[in-house]
Protein backbone atom coordinates (compact mmCIF):
# COMPACT_ATOMS: atom_id res chain seq x y z
CA MET A 1 0.40 0.03 0.22
CA LYS A 2 1.72 3.27 -1.09
CA ILE A 3 1.43 6.21 1.52
CA LYS A 4 0.33 10.09 -0.42
CA THR A 5 2.51 13.20 0.69
CA ASN A 6 -0.68 14.25 1.30
CA ASP A 7 -1.74 11.51 4.13
CA HIS A 8 1.38 12.69 5.91
CA ILE A 9 0.37 16.38 6.10
CA THR A 10 -3.19 15.75 7.07
CA THR A 11 -2.53 13.27 9.22
CA GLN A 12 0.69 15.83 11.12
CA ARG A 13 -2.92 18.52 11.18
CA GLN A 14 -4.90 16.67 12.68
CA PHE A 15 -2.87 15.60 15.05
CA TRP A 16 -2.25 20.08 16.18
CA LEU A 17 -5.86 20.08 16.36
CA PHE A 18 -6.02 16.88 18.56
CA LEU A 19 -4.24 18.88 21.31
CA LEU A 20 -5.41 22.39 20.48
CA VAL A 21 -9.46 20.57 20.56
CA GLY A 22 -7.49 18.61 23.51
CA LEU A 23 -6.77 21.79 25.34
CA LEU A 24 -10.53 23.38 24.63
CA ASN A 25 -11.68 20.05 26.13
CA THR A 26 -10.52 20.12 29.29
CA LEU A 27 -11.83 23.69 29.70
CA PHE A 28 -15.22 22.79 29.28
CA GLY A 29 -14.92 20.11 31.01
CA TYR A 30 -13.24 22.11 33.69
CA VAL A 31 -15.83 24.50 33.91
CA CYS A 32 -19.17 21.61 33.64
CA PHE A 33 -16.92 20.30 36.71
CA ALA A 34 -16.87 23.81 38.85
CA PHE A 35 -20.37 24.89 37.81
CA PHE A 36 -21.59 22.10 39.63
CA VAL A 37 -19.55 21.72 42.61
CA TYR A 38 -21.58 25.69 42.70
CA LEU A 39 -23.92 24.43 42.55
CA GLY A 40 -23.63 22.62 45.07
CA LEU A 41 -23.54 19.01 44.51
CA HIS A 42 -20.97 16.61 45.47
CA TYR A 43 -18.04 16.46 43.84
CA THR A 44 -18.50 12.77 42.97
CA LEU A 45 -21.79 13.35 41.05
CA ALA A 46 -20.03 16.49 40.10
CA VAL A 47 -17.43 14.69 38.45
CA GLY A 48 -19.25 12.40 36.87
CA LEU A 49 -22.08 15.12 35.38
CA ALA A 50 -18.86 16.98 33.67
CA THR A 51 -17.32 13.47 32.51
CA CYS A 52 -21.04 12.76 30.68
CA ALA A 53 -21.20 16.50 29.47
CA GLY A 54 -17.49 16.28 28.35
CA ILE A 55 -17.86 13.35 26.54
CA ALA A 56 -20.54 14.79 24.33
CA PHE A 57 -19.28 18.04 24.13
CA ASN A 58 -15.41 16.11 22.94
CA PHE A 59 -16.88 13.82 20.55
CA GLN A 60 -18.91 16.94 18.77
CA THR A 61 -15.36 19.51 18.84
CA THR A 62 -12.85 15.93 18.04
CA GLY A 63 -15.78 14.66 15.07
CA LYS A 64 -15.91 17.99 13.77
CA ILE A 65 -12.81 20.15 13.35
CA VAL A 66 -10.41 16.83 13.97
CA PHE A 67 -11.37 14.69 11.95
CA ASN A 68 -14.38 16.23 9.53
CA ASN A 69 -16.92 13.86 11.16
CA THR A 70 -20.01 14.21 12.34
CA ARG A 71 -21.85 10.52 12.22
CA THR A 72 -23.03 10.65 15.35
CA ILE A 73 -23.48 6.84 15.92
CA LEU A 74 -19.65 6.79 15.24
CA ILE A 75 -20.29 7.90 19.68
CA PHE A 76 -20.50 4.27 20.87
CA LYS A 77 -16.94 3.16 19.81
CA PHE A 78 -15.71 6.55 20.29
CA ILE A 79 -16.94 6.26 24.71
CA GLY A 80 -15.44 2.81 23.72
CA VAL A 81 -11.89 4.45 23.26
CA TYR A 82 -12.50 6.46 26.23
CA ALA A 83 -13.02 3.71 28.77
CA PHE A 84 -10.17 1.87 27.37
CA LEU A 85 -7.85 5.30 27.54
CA TYR A 86 -9.43 5.22 31.39
CA VAL A 87 -8.12 2.02 32.16
CA LEU A 88 -5.00 2.82 30.35
CA ASN A 89 -4.07 5.92 31.93
CA ILE A 90 -4.13 4.38 35.21
CA GLY A 91 -2.11 1.54 34.69
CA THR A 92 0.30 4.48 32.41
CA ILE A 93 -0.12 5.93 35.70
CA GLU A 94 0.50 3.17 38.76
CA LEU A 95 3.80 2.32 36.64
CA LEU A 96 4.98 5.30 36.51
CA LYS A 97 4.54 5.87 40.32
CA THR A 98 7.27 2.75 40.98
CA PHE A 99 9.37 6.39 40.07
CA SER A 100 7.66 8.94 42.05
CA THR A 101 4.55 8.71 44.27
CA ASN A 102 4.41 12.71 42.93
CA TYR A 103 0.36 12.44 41.49
CA TYR A 104 1.15 15.59 39.75
CA LEU A 105 3.91 14.14 38.18
CA THR A 106 2.54 10.79 37.33
CA GLY A 107 0.05 12.17 35.88
CA PHE A 108 1.59 14.69 33.94
CA LEU A 109 4.04 12.36 32.09
CA ALA A 110 1.30 9.64 31.68
CA LEU A 111 -0.75 12.72 29.43
CA ILE A 112 2.14 11.88 26.57
CA PRO A 113 1.92 8.36 25.78
CA ILE A 114 -1.74 8.59 26.68
CA THR A 115 -2.64 11.85 24.04
CA ALA A 116 -0.51 10.35 21.43
CA ILE A 117 -2.57 6.95 21.14
CA ALA A 118 -5.68 9.10 22.05
CA PHE A 119 -5.09 10.55 18.64
CA VAL A 120 -4.21 7.08 16.97
CA LEU A 121 -7.53 5.94 17.85
CA ASN A 122 -9.26 8.21 17.94
CA LYS A 123 -8.64 8.50 13.76
CA PHE A 124 -8.46 4.99 12.69
CA LEU A 125 -11.23 3.39 14.83
CA VAL A 126 -13.21 6.22 15.70
CA PHE A 127 -12.80 8.61 12.48
CA THR A 128 -12.45 6.49 10.71
CA GLU A 129 -12.12 8.00 6.43
CA LEU A 130 -14.75 4.87 5.98
CA ASP A 131 -16.65 6.02 8.01
CA SER A 132 -16.81 9.77 7.01
CA LYS A 133 -18.83 8.57 4.19
């Protein structure tokens, strides 16, 4: 299979968009969390509601802005990928904990592989070119 030069440029552009959209998504999720806490909800409920709102928002922004795909049926794949990433993130932090017990540091370091894996899984499992039609 021959890879076109434009495919590399497209993937590189999508990756940078993915990072920028990720910042927007993080801000949205935190604002939701803060709003729910402000309303007086317990932090566990605030996290749960913010996560649900965040998944819906992230699906829309990642699909439309990064991968130019608006098929709502893909939300199930998207949720599956994020469930997998959650488990992988916990495992990565657990592994990094052998080097440092600072969760701020290990959580930050885990972002590097998790973000790259999230991009690959979203590009090739969720928002595939076949699904964009």
